[in-house]
Protein backbone atom coordinates (compact mmCIF):
# COMPACT_ATOMS: atom_id res chain seq x y z
CA UNK A 1 0.00 0.00 0.00
CA UNK A 2 1.26 3.46 -0.97
CA UNK A 3 -0.42 6.47 0.61
CA UNK A 4 0.42 10.17 0.32
CA UNK A 5 -3.05 11.42 1.29
CA UNK A 6 -2.96 14.85 2.94
CA UNK A 7 0.22 15.80 1.10
CA UNK A 8 -0.09 18.67 -1.41
CA UNK A 9 3.41 18.19 -2.86
CA UNK A 10 4.09 16.90 -6.38
CA UNK A 11 4.62 13.15 -6.09
CA UNK A 12 5.81 10.33 -8.36
CA UNK A 13 4.32 7.02 -7.19
CA UNK A 14 4.92 3.53 -8.55
CA UNK A 15 3.15 0.43 -7.31
CA UNK A 16 5.80 -1.97 -8.59
CA UNK A 17 9.48 -1.83 -9.56
CA UNK A 18 10.57 1.42 -11.20
CA UNK A 19 13.48 3.74 -11.95
CA UNK A 20 13.46 7.54 -11.64
CA UNK A 21 16.23 9.49 -13.39
CA UNK A 22 17.05 13.11 -12.52
CA UNK A 23 18.71 16.04 -14.24
CA UNK A 24 20.67 18.86 -12.57
CA UNK A 25 20.55 22.37 -14.03
CA UNK A 26 23.46 24.83 -13.99
CA UNK A 27 21.98 26.59 -10.95
CA UNK A 28 21.97 23.32 -9.00
CA UNK A 29 18.23 22.71 -9.29
CA UNK A 30 17.39 19.01 -9.59
CA UNK A 31 14.33 17.84 -11.55
CA UNK A 32 13.02 14.39 -12.48
CA UNK A 33 13.85 13.60 -16.10
CA UNK A 34 12.39 10.13 -16.62
CA UNK A 35 10.37 7.65 -14.56
CA UNK A 36 9.47 4.18 -15.78
CA UNK A 37 8.45 0.76 -14.50
CA UNK A 38 10.75 -2.26 -14.82
CA UNK A 39 10.55 -6.05 -14.30
CA UNK A 40 6.81 -6.26 -15.10
CA UNK A 41 6.74 -10.03 -14.64
CA UNK A 42 7.13 -9.67 -10.84
CA UNK A 43 4.54 -6.98 -10.12
CA UNK A 44 1.81 -7.22 -7.49
CA UNK A 45 -1.72 -5.99 -6.78
CA UNK A 46 -1.28 -2.57 -5.18
CA UNK A 47 -3.39 0.07 -3.44
CA UNK A 48 -2.20 3.62 -4.14
CA UNK A 49 -3.77 6.75 -2.62
CA UNK A 50 -2.32 10.08 -3.73
CA UNK A 51 -2.30 13.51 -2.10
CA UNK A 52 -3.62 16.81 -3.40
CA UNK A 53 -0.60 17.97 -5.42
CA UNK A 54 0.29 17.05 -8.99
CA UNK A 55 0.63 13.29 -8.92
CA UNK A 56 2.33 10.97 -11.41
CA UNK A 57 1.15 7.41 -10.73
CA UNK A 58 2.39 4.20 -12.38
CA UNK A 59 0.35 1.25 -11.15
CA UNK A 60 2.50 -1.51 -12.62
CA UNK A 61 1.41 -5.08 -13.33
CA UNK A 62 -1.59 -6.95 -11.90
CA UNK A 63 -4.83 -5.63 -10.41
CA UNK A 64 -4.27 -2.24 -8.80
CA UNK A 65 -6.57 0.17 -6.98
CA UNK A 66 -5.49 3.77 -7.58
CA UNK A 67 -7.03 6.94 -6.13
CA UNK A 68 -5.82 10.33 -7.36
CA UNK A 69 -5.78 13.54 -5.32
CA UNK A 70 -8.75 15.84 -4.72
CA UNK A 71 -6.81 19.06 -5.32
CA UNK A 72 -7.06 21.22 -8.43
CA UNK A 73 -3.73 19.94 -9.82
CA UNK A 74 -3.67 17.50 -12.74
CA UNK A 75 -2.99 13.84 -12.02
CA UNK A 76 -1.29 11.59 -14.57
CA UNK A 77 -2.36 8.00 -13.92
CA UNK A 78 -1.19 4.91 -15.81
CA UNK A 79 -2.92 1.80 -14.52
CA UNK A 80 -0.30 -0.67 -15.71
CA UNK A 81 3.37 -0.39 -16.69
CA UNK A 82 4.49 2.88 -18.18
CA UNK A 83 6.92 5.70 -18.72
CA UNK A 84 6.77 9.45 -18.10
CA UNK A 85 9.28 12.01 -19.38
CA UNK A 86 9.91 15.57 -18.20
CA UNK A 87 11.65 18.74 -19.40
CA UNK A 88 12.63 20.87 -16.40
CA UNK A 89 9.82 19.44 -14.23
CA UNK A 90 7.20 19.81 -17.00
CA UNK A 91 5.63 16.54 -18.16
CA UNK A 92 6.02 16.13 -21.94
CA UNK A 93 5.20 12.43 -22.44
CA UNK A 94 3.25 9.66 -20.71
CA UNK A 95 2.76 6.20 -22.23
CA UNK A 96 2.13 2.58 -21.34
CA UNK A 97 4.88 -0.03 -21.80
CA UNK A 98 5.21 -3.82 -21.46
CA UNK A 99 1.72 -4.24 -22.89
CA UNK A 100 1.39 -7.97 -22.11
CA UNK A 101 1.50 -7.46 -18.32
CA UNK A 102 -1.65 -5.45 -17.62
CA UNK A 103 -4.20 -5.99 -14.87
CA UNK A 104 -7.83 -5.26 -14.05
CA UNK A 105 -7.37 -1.88 -12.40
CA UNK A 106 -9.78 0.36 -10.51
CA UNK A 107 -8.82 4.01 -11.00
CA UNK A 108 -10.50 7.00 -9.33
CA UNK A 109 -9.01 10.19 -10.74
CA UNK A 110 -10.52 12.83 -8.41
CA UNK A 111 -10.68 16.59 -8.98
CA UNK A 112 -8.73 18.59 -11.57
CA UNK A 113 -7.94 18.05 -15.23
CA UNK A 114 -6.68 14.47 -15.20
CA UNK A 115 -4.95 12.24 -17.74
CA UNK A 116 -5.68 8.53 -17.32
CA UNK A 117 -4.37 5.58 -19.37
CA UNK A 118 -5.90 2.34 -18.14
CA UNK A 119 -3.63 -0.11 -19.94
CA UNK A 120 -4.48 -3.65 -20.99
CA UNK A 121 -7.22 -5.83 -19.44
CA UNK A 122 -10.58 -4.83 -17.97
CA UNK A 123 -10.31 -1.51 -16.16
CA UNK A 124 -12.77 0.66 -14.27
CA UNK A 125 -11.96 4.37 -14.58
CA UNK A 126 -13.94 6.95 -12.61
CA UNK A 127 -13.24 10.67 -13.07
CA UNK A 128 -16.59 11.79 -11.64
CA UNK A 129 -17.28 12.79 -8.02
CA UNK A 130 -21.08 12.91 -7.45
CA UNK A 131 -20.59 14.94 -4.26
CA UNK A 132 -18.35 17.62 -5.83
CA UNK A 133 -18.93 18.05 -9.58
CA UNK A 134 -15.67 18.64 -11.44
CA UNK A 135 -15.98 20.73 -14.62
CA UNK A 136 -12.33 20.27 -15.61
CA UNK A 137 -11.44 18.47 -18.84
CA UNK A 138 -10.35 14.85 -18.40
CA UNK A 139 -8.41 12.90 -21.03
CA UNK A 140 -8.94 9.16 -20.75
CA UNK A 141 -7.68 6.13 -22.69
CA UNK A 142 -9.25 2.84 -21.66
CA UNK A 143 -6.47 0.58 -22.93
CA UNK A 144 -2.79 1.08 -23.82
CA UNK A 145 -1.85 4.47 -25.19
CA UNK A 146 0.17 7.64 -24.87
CA UNK A 147 -0.21 11.37 -24.26
CA UNK A 148 2.18 14.07 -25.53
CA UNK A 149 2.56 17.61 -24.20
CA UNK A 150 4.46 20.81 -25.05
CA UNK A 151 7.31 21.97 -22.82
CA UNK A 152 4.79 24.33 -21.20
CA UNK A 153 2.44 21.47 -20.33
CA UNK A 154 -0.23 21.80 -23.04
CA UNK A 155 -1.53 18.51 -24.39
CA UNK A 156 -0.87 18.01 -28.12
CA UNK A 157 -1.91 14.39 -28.78
CA UNK A 158 -3.43 11.32 -27.19
CA UNK A 159 -3.60 7.96 -28.92
CA UNK A 160 -4.27 4.29 -28.32
CA UNK A 161 -1.56 1.71 -28.96
CA UNK A 162 -1.24 -2.12 -28.87
CA UNK A 163 -4.91 -2.52 -29.90
CA UNK A 164 -4.68 -6.32 -29.98
CA UNK A 165 -4.42 -6.33 -26.16
CA UNK A 166 -7.43 -4.21 -25.26
CA UNK A 167 -9.94 -4.98 -22.53
CA UNK A 168 -13.58 -4.43 -21.60
CA UNK A 169 -13.43 -1.11 -19.77
CA UNK A 170 -15.94 0.95 -17.80
CA UNK A 171 -15.24 4.69 -18.04
CA UNK A 172 -17.19 7.33 -16.12
CA UNK A 173 -15.91 10.82 -16.96
CA UNK A 174 -18.66 13.01 -15.45
CA UNK A 175 -18.77 16.78 -15.95
CA UNK A 176 -16.39 18.79 -18.09
CA UNK A 177 -15.31 18.84 -21.76
CA UNK A 178 -13.81 15.34 -21.75
CA UNK A 179 -11.90 13.48 -24.46
CA UNK A 180 -12.15 9.68 -24.29
CA UNK A 181 -10.64 6.87 -26.37
CA UNK A 182 -12.20 3.58 -25.29
CA UNK A 183 -9.81 1.21 -27.04
CA UNK A 184 -10.52 -2.33 -28.22
CA UNK A 185 -13.23 -4.71 -26.95
CA UNK A 186 -16.66 -3.84 -25.53
CA UNK A 187 -16.47 -0.64 -23.46
CA UNK A 188 -19.03 1.22 -21.39
CA UNK A 189 -18.44 4.99 -21.55
CA UNK A 190 -20.48 7.54 -19.59
CA UNK A 191 -19.89 11.31 -19.56
CA UNK A 192 -22.92 12.32 -17.49
CA UNK A 193 -22.39 13.29 -13.86
CA UNK A 194 -24.82 11.31 -11.74
CA UNK A 195 -25.29 8.59 -9.13
CA UNK A 196 -26.26 4.93 -9.10
CA UNK A 197 -26.51 4.54 -12.88
CA UNK A 198 -29.17 7.25 -13.25
CA UNK A 199 -29.04 10.95 -13.99
CA UNK A 200 -29.54 13.25 -11.00
CA UNK A 201 -31.52 16.48 -11.53
CA UNK A 202 -29.15 19.44 -11.77
CA UNK A 203 -26.17 17.18 -12.39
CA UNK A 204 -26.39 17.03 -16.20
CA UNK A 205 -23.20 17.52 -18.21
CA UNK A 206 -23.74 20.31 -20.78
CA UNK A 207 -20.09 20.49 -21.86
CA UNK A 208 -18.92 19.21 -25.24
CA UNK A 209 -17.51 15.71 -24.89
CA UNK A 210 -15.46 14.00 -27.59
CA UNK A 211 -15.69 10.21 -27.50
CA UNK A 212 -14.20 7.51 -29.69
CA UNK A 213 -15.43 4.08 -28.67
CA UNK A 214 -12.54 2.06 -30.08
CA UNK A 215 -8.95 2.82 -31.13
CA UNK A 216 -7.89 6.22 -32.39
CA UNK A 217 -5.93 9.43 -32.05
CA UNK A 218 -6.88 12.96 -30.97
CA UNK A 219 -4.66 15.89 -32.03
CA UNK A 220 -4.74 19.33 -30.40
CA UNK A 221 -3.78 22.80 -31.69
CA UNK A 222 -1.83 24.88 -29.14
CA UNK A 223 -1.13 28.01 -31.23
CA UNK A 224 -3.57 30.07 -29.14
CA UNK A 225 -1.82 29.18 -25.89
CA UNK A 226 -4.55 26.67 -25.05
CA UNK A 227 -5.12 23.08 -26.16
CA UNK A 228 -7.97 23.02 -28.70
CA UNK A 229 -9.07 19.83 -30.41
CA UNK A 230 -7.95 19.88 -34.04
CA UNK A 231 -8.85 16.37 -35.20
CA UNK A 232 -9.89 12.95 -33.95
CA UNK A 233 -9.83 9.80 -36.07
CA UNK A 234 -10.15 6.03 -35.79
CA UNK A 235 -7.26 3.57 -36.14
CA UNK A 236 -6.94 -0.25 -36.09
CA UNK A 237 -10.37 -0.47 -37.70
CA UNK A 238 -10.74 -4.26 -37.40
CA UNK A 239 -10.18 -4.44 -33.63
CA UNK A 240 -13.16 -2.59 -32.19
CA UNK A 241 -15.92 -3.83 -29.91
CA UNK A 242 -19.66 -3.36 -29.41
CA UNK A 243 -19.60 -0.35 -27.11
CA UNK A 244 -22.27 1.39 -25.03
CA UNK A 245 -21.74 5.15 -25.01
CA UNK A 246 -23.86 7.59 -22.99
CA UNK A 247 -22.94 11.24 -23.63
CA UNK A 248 -25.84 13.32 -22.28
CA UNK A 249 -26.41 17.00 -23.08
CA UNK A 250 -23.93 19.29 -24.80
CA UNK A 251 -22.70 19.48 -28.39
CA UNK A 252 -20.90 16.15 -28.25
CA UNK A 253 -18.84 14.36 -30.89
CA UNK A 254 -19.19 10.57 -30.73
CA UNK A 255 -17.47 8.05 -33.02
CA UNK A 256 -18.49 4.50 -32.19
CA UNK A 257 -15.85 2.70 -34.24
CA UNK A 258 -16.11 -0.97 -35.21
CA UNK A 259 -18.71 -3.34 -33.82
CA UNK A 260 -22.41 -3.00 -33.02
CA UNK A 261 -22.43 0.07 -30.78
CA UNK A 262 -25.24 1.61 -28.75
CA UNK A 263 -24.92 5.41 -28.54
CA UNK A 264 -27.24 7.59 -26.46
CA UNK A 265 -26.85 11.37 -26.52
CA UNK A 266 -29.76 12.39 -24.29
CA UNK A 267 -29.80 12.84 -20.51
CA UNK A 268 -32.96 11.28 -19.13
CA UNK A 269 -33.85 7.80 -18.00
CA UNK A 270 -31.83 4.86 -16.83
CA UNK A 271 -28.46 3.96 -18.27
CA UNK A 272 -28.54 1.14 -20.81
CA UNK A 273 -27.51 -2.35 -19.70
């Protein structure tokens, strides 16, 4: 068990074996340069609870339970094995590695604009807090994938990878203008903020969500000083699943991908089975 709850510092947490490399600037300042998991064949089932700062979490192999911080800082959570790279303490890359060693992870992202990559196998990803609606944008990949950022921290691209090793994921993004790539297999994707599989009055997501049920890539334009979605497109066309996607109100963009998908873009009634 790893717990940094109550700590508002910026933490790097790994559930299994890992290496963190550092760089020293000319003024003596030391920053993390690279952090990555190793020896995936000997990982275990971990419980990781992060504090309220900016958290970088690598779950490692097997079935992990990961809870991000409730502060306004962004959490970067990789459910399985992965790698993160920095330039002077600014995250510029996060990706999964060792694709064959994933687990069935339970990931609760918490408050803030979070970046979650579930990894292989059947993951449950929850970026919605029914008691404290979070209107920040979340970027979620259900299976293996990567996220790239500028040296000022703006996201430029997210994409799935290793589509042949996808799992059946449950993704609950809640409020905010979220971008979700489900990955392979049959996924359940919900972007409405609510409780107990029904929509609560006053808790309807009116933001624009962008959802791709299967494999794909989303590219962002940062010329304005903000990350704005430029394009989203499907990849690995023959490896999709029959997804259930519930997007609610808002001017949403939904691409089901391969398979016999069920897509609902209204916000009343019970969730589909």
